[in-house]
Amino acid sequence: DKKWDTRDDEVVLDQQGCLYHPRVIGLQTSQPLVIKNSDPLLHNVHAMPKRGEFNMAMPTQDMKLEKKFKKPELGFEIKCDVHAWMKAWGYVVEHPFFATTGEDGSFEIADVPAGKYTIEFVHPTLGSQEAEVTVTDGEAEVSTTFKG
């Protein structure tokens, strides 16, 4: 039931090479999401959360759009209606304790208070898995493997 300060760093979703980079984004409610078009052609961003769906044309290179989500929303699709293969997934949570993995699958979640937690790993096509983790002295390690 604790309220957390909103992170002020921007999450960037870039349309580059007719793909979304990264393909999965995580952000906190009210944290700024900046969507860029790095390609010299028309894209559109069609985000489909249950609350606050939007569909915006981005016709020019270097165009930027900023959005904020006021409510949590897990696993909503973001697509380009111009290029059907362009898809990304968004996860919005109320707290600051989340991460998107790097290319090697590693991640770090900073400033987690000491305690025992259930961490959920979510993959847009392989589903989700949970693991128990205990944080002591600001340190903990946890891992999982998705079957797919």
C-alpha atoms as a PDB file:
ATOM      1  CA  ASP A   1       0.000   0.000   0.000  1.00  0.00           C
ATOM      2  CA  LYS A   2       3.045   2.282  -0.057  1.00  0.00           C
ATOM      3  CA  LYS A   3       3.136   5.161  -2.508  1.00  0.00           C
ATOM      4  CA  TRP A   4       6.363   5.562  -4.460  1.00  0.00           C
ATOM      5  CA  ASP A   5       7.847   8.662  -6.060  1.00  0.00           C
ATOM      6  CA  THR A   6       7.600   8.525  -9.845  1.00  0.00           C
ATOM      7  CA  ARG A   7      10.833   7.937 -11.708  1.00  0.00           C
ATOM      8  CA  ASP A   8      11.702  10.977 -13.801  1.00  0.00           C
ATOM      9  CA  ASP A   9      13.987   9.295 -16.339  1.00  0.00           C
ATOM     10  CA  GLU A  10      12.501   8.867 -19.802  1.00  0.00           C
ATOM     11  CA  VAL A  11      11.829   5.472 -21.326  1.00  0.00           C
ATOM     12  CA  VAL A  12      12.588   5.636 -25.057  1.00  0.00           C
ATOM     13  CA  LEU A  13      10.869   3.487 -27.680  1.00  0.00           C
ATOM     14  CA  ASP A  14      12.561   4.016 -31.044  1.00  0.00           C
ATOM     15  CA  GLN A  15      11.257   3.093 -34.488  1.00  0.00           C
ATOM     16  CA  GLN A  16      14.473   2.247 -36.289  1.00  0.00           C
ATOM     17  CA  GLY A  17      15.046   0.008 -39.304  1.00  0.00           C
ATOM     18  CA  CYS A  18      11.295  -0.711 -39.353  1.00  0.00           C
ATOM     19  CA  LEU A  19      11.516  -2.338 -35.915  1.00  0.00           C
ATOM     20  CA  TYR A  20      10.757  -1.158 -32.396  1.00  0.00           C
ATOM     21  CA  HIS A  21      13.781  -0.832 -30.113  1.00  0.00           C
ATOM     22  CA  PRO A  22      13.514  -2.205 -27.489  1.00  0.00           C
ATOM     23  CA  ARG A  23      10.744  -4.735 -28.107  1.00  0.00           C
ATOM     24  CA  VAL A  24       9.691  -4.707 -24.446  1.00  0.00           C
ATOM     25  CA  ILE A  25       9.412  -1.578 -22.302  1.00  0.00           C
ATOM     26  CA  GLY A  26       8.736  -1.185 -18.616  1.00  0.00           C
ATOM     27  CA  LEU A  27       7.764   2.048 -16.967  1.00  0.00           C
ATOM     28  CA  GLN A  28       6.191   3.412 -13.845  1.00  0.00           C
ATOM     29  CA  THR A  29       2.826   5.143 -13.846  1.00  0.00           C
ATOM     30  CA  SER A  30       3.310   8.804 -14.879  1.00  0.00           C
ATOM     31  CA  GLN A  31       6.901   8.162 -16.002  1.00  0.00           C
ATOM     32  CA  PRO A  32       7.566   9.779 -19.403  1.00  0.00           C
ATOM     33  CA  LEU A  33       7.592   7.510 -22.454  1.00  0.00           C
ATOM     34  CA  VAL A  34       9.276   9.116 -25.468  1.00  0.00           C
ATOM     35  CA  ILE A  35       8.528   7.488 -28.817  1.00  0.00           C
ATOM     36  CA  LYS A  36      10.914   8.381 -31.663  1.00  0.00           C
ATOM     37  CA  ASN A  37      10.859   7.816 -35.393  1.00  0.00           C
ATOM     38  CA  SER A  38      14.491   7.383 -36.482  1.00  0.00           C
ATOM     39  CA  ASP A  39      13.460   6.200 -39.972  1.00  0.00           C
ATOM     40  CA  PRO A  40      13.009   8.530 -42.968  1.00  0.00           C
ATOM     41  CA  LEU A  41       9.500   7.173 -43.610  1.00  0.00           C
ATOM     42  CA  LEU A  42       6.001   6.991 -42.193  1.00  0.00           C
ATOM     43  CA  HIS A  43       5.317   4.935 -39.070  1.00  0.00           C
ATOM     44  CA  ASN A  44       2.457   5.090 -36.671  1.00  0.00           C
ATOM     45  CA  VAL A  45       2.335   4.110 -33.029  1.00  0.00           C
ATOM     46  CA  HIS A  46      -0.783   2.172 -32.099  1.00  0.00           C
ATOM     47  CA  ALA A  47      -0.618   1.356 -28.383  1.00  0.00           C
ATOM     48  CA  MET A  48      -3.465  -0.760 -27.074  1.00  0.00           C
ATOM     49  CA  PRO A  49      -3.687  -0.664 -23.297  1.00  0.00           C
ATOM     50  CA  LYS A  50      -7.175  -1.300 -21.914  1.00  0.00           C
ATOM     51  CA  ARG A  51      -7.274   2.289 -20.689  1.00  0.00           C
ATOM     52  CA  GLY A  52      -5.857   5.024 -22.874  1.00  0.00           C
ATOM     53  CA  GLU A  53      -5.406   3.432 -26.313  1.00  0.00           C
ATOM     54  CA  PHE A  54      -3.771   5.771 -28.802  1.00  0.00           C
ATOM     55  CA  ASN A  55      -2.896   5.675 -32.500  1.00  0.00           C
ATOM     56  CA  MET A  56      -0.619   8.444 -33.740  1.00  0.00           C
ATOM     57  CA  ALA A  57       0.991   8.940 -37.150  1.00  0.00           C
ATOM     58  CA  MET A  58       4.724   9.713 -37.118  1.00  0.00           C
ATOM     59  CA  PRO A  59       5.424  10.720 -40.733  1.00  0.00           C
ATOM     60  CA  THR A  60       8.850  12.327 -40.423  1.00  0.00           C
ATOM     61  CA  GLN A  61      12.314  11.274 -39.348  1.00  0.00           C
ATOM     62  CA  ASP A  62      13.337  12.461 -35.860  1.00  0.00           C
ATOM     63  CA  MET A  63       9.714  13.089 -34.856  1.00  0.00           C
ATOM     64  CA  LYS A  64       9.076  12.517 -31.147  1.00  0.00           C
ATOM     65  CA  LEU A  65       5.954  11.886 -29.137  1.00  0.00           C
ATOM     66  CA  GLU A  66       5.651  11.834 -25.334  1.00  0.00           C
ATOM     67  CA  LYS A  67       3.049   9.851 -23.419  1.00  0.00           C
ATOM     68  CA  LYS A  68       2.361   9.048 -19.770  1.00  0.00           C
ATOM     69  CA  PHE A  69       0.206   6.253 -18.403  1.00  0.00           C
ATOM     70  CA  LYS A  70      -1.802   7.057 -15.277  1.00  0.00           C
ATOM     71  CA  LYS A  71      -2.830   3.461 -14.458  1.00  0.00           C
ATOM     72  CA  PRO A  72      -0.928   0.164 -14.313  1.00  0.00           C
ATOM     73  CA  GLU A  73      -1.229  -1.957 -17.436  1.00  0.00           C
ATOM     74  CA  LEU A  74       0.578  -5.245 -18.019  1.00  0.00           C
ATOM     75  CA  GLY A  75       1.431  -6.691 -21.407  1.00  0.00           C
ATOM     76  CA  PHE A  76      -0.254  -4.347 -23.856  1.00  0.00           C
ATOM     77  CA  GLU A  77       0.666  -4.465 -27.528  1.00  0.00           C
ATOM     78  CA  ILE A  78       2.275  -1.574 -29.383  1.00  0.00           C
ATOM     79  CA  LYS A  79       2.251  -1.904 -33.149  1.00  0.00           C
ATOM     80  CA  CYS A  80       2.707  -0.010 -36.370  1.00  0.00           C
ATOM     81  CA  ASP A  81      -0.335  -0.278 -38.633  1.00  0.00           C
ATOM     82  CA  VAL A  82       1.852   0.637 -41.637  1.00  0.00           C
ATOM     83  CA  HIS A  83       4.354  -2.212 -41.070  1.00  0.00           C
ATOM     84  CA  ALA A  84       2.522  -5.255 -39.663  1.00  0.00           C
ATOM     85  CA  TRP A  85       5.705  -6.942 -38.359  1.00  0.00           C
ATOM     86  CA  MET A  86       6.549  -4.029 -36.063  1.00  0.00           C
ATOM     87  CA  LYS A  87       5.448  -4.985 -32.543  1.00  0.00           C
ATOM     88  CA  ALA A  88       6.521  -4.116 -29.019  1.00  0.00           C
ATOM     89  CA  TRP A  89       5.034  -4.775 -25.578  1.00  0.00           C
ATOM     90  CA  GLY A  90       4.472  -2.346 -22.703  1.00  0.00           C
ATOM     91  CA  TYR A  91       4.318  -2.991 -18.962  1.00  0.00           C
ATOM     92  CA  VAL A  92       3.306  -0.159 -16.615  1.00  0.00           C
ATOM     93  CA  VAL A  93       3.493  -0.613 -12.825  1.00  0.00           C
ATOM     94  CA  GLU A  94       2.920   1.675  -9.826  1.00  0.00           C
ATOM     95  CA  HIS A  95       6.250   0.989  -8.107  1.00  0.00           C
ATOM     96  CA  PRO A  96       9.845   1.591  -9.293  1.00  0.00           C
ATOM     97  CA  PHE A  97      10.991  -2.041  -8.886  1.00  0.00           C
ATOM     98  CA  PHE A  98      11.171  -3.449 -12.407  1.00  0.00           C
ATOM     99  CA  ALA A  99      13.712  -3.919 -15.163  1.00  0.00           C
ATOM    100  CA  THR A 100      13.984  -4.916 -18.805  1.00  0.00           C
ATOM    101  CA  THR A 101      16.672  -7.492 -19.452  1.00  0.00           C
ATOM    102  CA  GLY A 102      19.763  -6.775 -21.489  1.00  0.00           C
ATOM    103  CA  GLU A 103      20.777  -8.735 -24.587  1.00  0.00           C
ATOM    104  CA  ASP A 104      22.368 -11.400 -22.357  1.00  0.00           C
ATOM    105  CA  GLY A 105      19.253 -11.708 -20.166  1.00  0.00           C
ATOM    106  CA  SER A 106      20.767  -9.907 -17.186  1.00  0.00           C
ATOM    107  CA  PHE A 107      18.959  -7.209 -15.231  1.00  0.00           C
ATOM    108  CA  GLU A 108      19.313  -5.078 -12.118  1.00  0.00           C
ATOM    109  CA  ILE A 109      16.644  -3.597  -9.880  1.00  0.00           C
ATOM    110  CA  ALA A 110      18.137  -0.911  -7.633  1.00  0.00           C
ATOM    111  CA  ASP A 111      17.190   0.285  -4.145  1.00  0.00           C
ATOM    112  CA  VAL A 112      14.942  -2.628  -3.184  1.00  0.00           C
ATOM    113  CA  PRO A 113      14.346  -2.543   0.596  1.00  0.00           C
ATOM    114  CA  ALA A 114      15.483  -5.587   2.571  1.00  0.00           C
ATOM    115  CA  GLY A 115      12.849  -8.312   2.737  1.00  0.00           C
ATOM    116  CA  LYS A 116      11.423 -11.373   1.064  1.00  0.00           C
ATOM    117  CA  TYR A 117       9.736 -10.854  -2.292  1.00  0.00           C
ATOM    118  CA  THR A 118       8.095 -12.679  -5.129  1.00  0.00           C
ATOM    119  CA  ILE A 119       9.574 -11.553  -8.434  1.00  0.00           C
ATOM    120  CA  GLU A 120       7.699 -12.129 -11.657  1.00  0.00           C
ATOM    121  CA  PHE A 121       9.499 -12.666 -14.945  1.00  0.00           C
ATOM    122  CA  VAL A 122       7.308 -11.842 -17.951  1.00  0.00           C
ATOM    123  CA  HIS A 123       7.927 -12.677 -21.598  1.00  0.00           C
ATOM    124  CA  PRO A 124       5.513 -11.470 -24.302  1.00  0.00           C
ATOM    125  CA  THR A 125       5.188 -14.900 -25.964  1.00  0.00           C
ATOM    126  CA  LEU A 126       6.486 -17.388 -23.355  1.00  0.00           C
ATOM    127  CA  GLY A 127       4.273 -16.198 -20.496  1.00  0.00           C
ATOM    128  CA  SER A 128       5.336 -15.494 -16.928  1.00  0.00           C
ATOM    129  CA  GLN A 129       7.143 -17.250 -14.091  1.00  0.00           C
ATOM    130  CA  GLU A 130       7.610 -16.364 -10.440  1.00  0.00           C
ATOM    131  CA  ALA A 131      10.528 -16.868  -8.079  1.00  0.00           C
ATOM    132  CA  GLU A 132      11.138 -16.079  -4.413  1.00  0.00           C
ATOM    133  CA  VAL A 133      14.040 -13.772  -3.577  1.00  0.00           C
ATOM    134  CA  THR A 134      15.372 -12.435  -0.284  1.00  0.00           C
ATOM    135  CA  VAL A 135      17.121  -9.061  -0.310  1.00  0.00           C
ATOM    136  CA  THR A 136      19.672  -8.452   2.452  1.00  0.00           C
ATOM    137  CA  ASP A 137      22.150  -5.582   2.638  1.00  0.00           C
ATOM    138  CA  GLY A 138      20.960  -4.368  -0.767  1.00  0.00           C
ATOM    139  CA  GLU A 139      22.078  -7.591  -2.466  1.00  0.00           C
ATOM    140  CA  ALA A 140      20.241 -10.559  -3.966  1.00  0.00           C
ATOM    141  CA  GLU A 141      20.510 -12.888  -6.911  1.00  0.00           C
ATOM    142  CA  VAL A 142      17.730 -14.661  -8.745  1.00  0.00           C
ATOM    143  CA  SER A 143      17.464 -16.340 -12.108  1.00  0.00           C
ATOM    144  CA  THR A 144      14.992 -18.284 -14.196  1.00  0.00           C
ATOM    145  CA  THR A 145      14.842 -20.071 -17.510  1.00  0.00           C
ATOM    146  CA  PHE A 146      11.879 -19.922 -19.857  1.00  0.00           C
ATOM    147  CA  LYS A 147      10.966 -23.060 -21.753  1.00  0.00           C
ATOM    148  CA  GLY A 148      10.053 -22.328 -25.312  1.00  0.00           C
END
